[in-house]
Amino acid sequence: MKDRTVIVDNECQPLADEMLAHIGESFCHAAGMPNENDGSTGLGLYLTKRILDA
């Protein structure tokens, strides 16, 4: 397995420390639930992690 470094630039509200442990999970959001007002699904970092783990 290769060593990898992923840098994530967050331009939204900062993630709480307790959320960092869940950053690669599907539907993970800073507020805890998907927000239909911001158009996000919570799948971006999950899919990125799945691709890197493949």
N, C-alpha and C. Protein backbone atom coordinates (compact mmCIF):
# COMPACT_ATOMS: atom_id res chain seq x y z
N MET A 1 0.84 -1.18 0.00
CA MET A 1 0.00 0.00 0.00
C MET A 1 0.88 1.24 0.00
N LYS A 2 0.53 2.21 -0.80
CA LYS A 2 1.30 3.44 -0.90
C LYS A 2 0.91 4.40 0.23
N ASP A 3 1.90 5.18 0.67
CA ASP A 3 1.60 6.26 1.59
C ASP A 3 1.02 7.41 0.79
N ARG A 4 -0.05 7.98 1.29
CA ARG A 4 -0.71 9.07 0.58
C ARG A 4 -1.01 10.21 1.54
N THR A 5 -0.99 11.39 1.00
CA THR A 5 -1.39 12.57 1.76
C THR A 5 -2.48 13.27 0.97
N VAL A 6 -3.57 13.57 1.63
CA VAL A 6 -4.67 14.29 1.01
C VAL A 6 -4.84 15.58 1.80
N ILE A 7 -4.85 16.68 1.09
CA ILE A 7 -5.05 17.98 1.72
C ILE A 7 -6.43 18.48 1.32
N VAL A 8 -7.25 18.81 2.31
CA VAL A 8 -8.60 19.28 2.07
C VAL A 8 -8.66 20.75 2.47
N ASP A 9 -9.10 21.58 1.55
CA ASP A 9 -9.27 23.00 1.82
C ASP A 9 -10.74 23.26 2.09
N ASN A 10 -11.06 23.59 3.31
CA ASN A 10 -12.44 23.81 3.72
C ASN A 10 -12.74 25.30 3.70
N GLU A 11 -13.63 25.72 2.81
CA GLU A 11 -13.99 27.13 2.71
C GLU A 11 -15.31 27.43 3.42
N CYS A 12 -15.84 26.45 4.11
CA CYS A 12 -17.10 26.62 4.84
C CYS A 12 -16.80 26.73 6.33
N GLN A 13 -17.82 26.45 7.14
CA GLN A 13 -17.60 26.52 8.58
C GLN A 13 -16.61 25.44 9.00
N PRO A 14 -15.76 25.72 9.99
CA PRO A 14 -14.78 24.73 10.45
C PRO A 14 -15.48 23.49 11.01
N LEU A 15 -14.84 22.35 10.83
CA LEU A 15 -15.37 21.11 11.40
C LEU A 15 -15.01 21.02 12.87
N ALA A 16 -15.95 20.58 13.67
CA ALA A 16 -15.68 20.33 15.07
C ALA A 16 -14.74 19.14 15.18
N ASP A 17 -13.93 19.12 16.22
CA ASP A 17 -12.95 18.04 16.40
C ASP A 17 -13.60 16.66 16.36
N GLU A 18 -14.80 16.53 16.93
CA GLU A 18 -15.45 15.21 16.96
C GLU A 18 -15.90 14.77 15.56
N MET A 19 -16.03 15.69 14.62
CA MET A 19 -16.41 15.34 13.25
C MET A 19 -15.23 14.84 12.44
N LEU A 20 -14.02 15.20 12.81
CA LEU A 20 -12.84 14.80 12.04
C LEU A 20 -12.69 13.29 11.96
N ALA A 21 -13.10 12.57 13.00
CA ALA A 21 -13.02 11.11 12.99
C ALA A 21 -13.97 10.51 11.96
N HIS A 22 -14.97 11.27 11.51
CA HIS A 22 -15.99 10.76 10.59
C HIS A 22 -15.87 11.35 9.20
N ILE A 23 -14.78 12.03 8.92
CA ILE A 23 -14.64 12.80 7.68
C ILE A 23 -14.78 11.95 6.41
N GLY A 24 -14.44 10.66 6.44
CA GLY A 24 -14.53 9.82 5.25
C GLY A 24 -15.79 9.00 5.16
N GLU A 25 -16.73 9.22 6.06
CA GLU A 25 -17.97 8.47 6.05
C GLU A 25 -18.98 9.11 5.09
N SER A 26 -19.84 8.28 4.53
CA SER A 26 -20.86 8.82 3.62
C SER A 26 -21.85 9.69 4.38
N PHE A 27 -22.28 10.73 3.75
CA PHE A 27 -23.27 11.67 4.27
C PHE A 27 -22.79 12.40 5.53
N CYS A 28 -21.49 12.55 5.67
CA CYS A 28 -20.91 13.29 6.79
C CYS A 28 -20.99 14.78 6.50
N HIS A 29 -21.56 15.53 7.41
CA HIS A 29 -21.69 16.98 7.28
C HIS A 29 -21.28 17.64 8.58
N ALA A 30 -20.79 18.85 8.47
CA ALA A 30 -20.37 19.60 9.66
C ALA A 30 -21.52 19.76 10.64
N ALA A 31 -22.72 19.95 10.14
CA ALA A 31 -23.88 20.13 11.00
C ALA A 31 -24.50 18.80 11.40
N GLY A 32 -23.97 17.71 10.87
CA GLY A 32 -24.49 16.38 11.21
C GLY A 32 -25.45 15.80 10.19
N MET A 33 -26.16 16.63 9.46
CA MET A 33 -27.13 16.16 8.48
C MET A 33 -26.95 16.93 7.18
N PRO A 34 -27.26 16.29 6.03
CA PRO A 34 -27.19 17.03 4.76
C PRO A 34 -28.09 18.25 4.81
N ASN A 35 -27.65 19.31 4.16
CA ASN A 35 -28.40 20.55 4.14
C ASN A 35 -28.85 20.80 2.70
N GLU A 36 -30.13 20.68 2.45
CA GLU A 36 -30.61 20.85 1.08
C GLU A 36 -30.45 22.27 0.58
N ASN A 37 -30.21 23.22 1.48
CA ASN A 37 -30.03 24.60 1.07
C ASN A 37 -28.65 24.86 0.47
N ASP A 38 -27.65 24.06 0.83
CA ASP A 38 -26.31 24.31 0.30
C ASP A 38 -25.98 23.41 -0.89
N GLY A 39 -26.86 22.49 -1.24
CA GLY A 39 -26.67 21.65 -2.40
C GLY A 39 -25.68 20.50 -2.21
N SER A 40 -25.18 20.32 -1.00
CA SER A 40 -24.21 19.26 -0.78
C SER A 40 -24.89 17.95 -0.41
N THR A 41 -24.20 16.86 -0.67
CA THR A 41 -24.75 15.53 -0.37
C THR A 41 -23.99 14.83 0.73
N GLY A 42 -22.78 15.30 1.03
CA GLY A 42 -21.97 14.62 2.02
C GLY A 42 -21.25 13.41 1.45
N LEU A 43 -21.13 13.33 0.14
CA LEU A 43 -20.48 12.18 -0.49
C LEU A 43 -19.11 12.49 -1.06
N GLY A 44 -18.74 13.74 -1.17
CA GLY A 44 -17.49 14.11 -1.83
C GLY A 44 -16.25 13.49 -1.22
N LEU A 45 -16.04 13.67 0.08
CA LEU A 45 -14.86 13.10 0.72
C LEU A 45 -14.98 11.59 0.88
N TYR A 46 -16.20 11.09 1.02
CA TYR A 46 -16.41 9.65 1.08
C TYR A 46 -15.96 9.00 -0.23
N LEU A 47 -16.39 9.55 -1.36
CA LEU A 47 -16.02 9.00 -2.66
C LEU A 47 -14.51 9.15 -2.91
N THR A 48 -13.95 10.28 -2.51
CA THR A 48 -12.51 10.48 -2.64
C THR A 48 -11.76 9.40 -1.86
N LYS A 49 -12.19 9.13 -0.64
CA LYS A 49 -11.53 8.10 0.18
C LYS A 49 -11.66 6.73 -0.47
N ARG A 50 -12.83 6.41 -1.00
CA ARG A 50 -13.03 5.11 -1.67
C ARG A 50 -12.10 4.96 -2.88
N ILE A 51 -11.95 6.01 -3.65
CA ILE A 51 -11.06 5.96 -4.82
C ILE A 51 -9.62 5.78 -4.38
N LEU A 52 -9.19 6.52 -3.36
CA LEU A 52 -7.81 6.40 -2.90
C LEU A 52 -7.52 5.05 -2.26
N ASP A 53 -8.53 4.45 -1.65
CA ASP A 53 -8.35 3.14 -1.01
C ASP A 53 -8.38 2.00 -2.02
N ALA A 54 -8.84 2.26 -3.24
CA ALA A 54 -8.97 1.19 -4.26
C ALA A 54 -7.60 0.73 -4.73
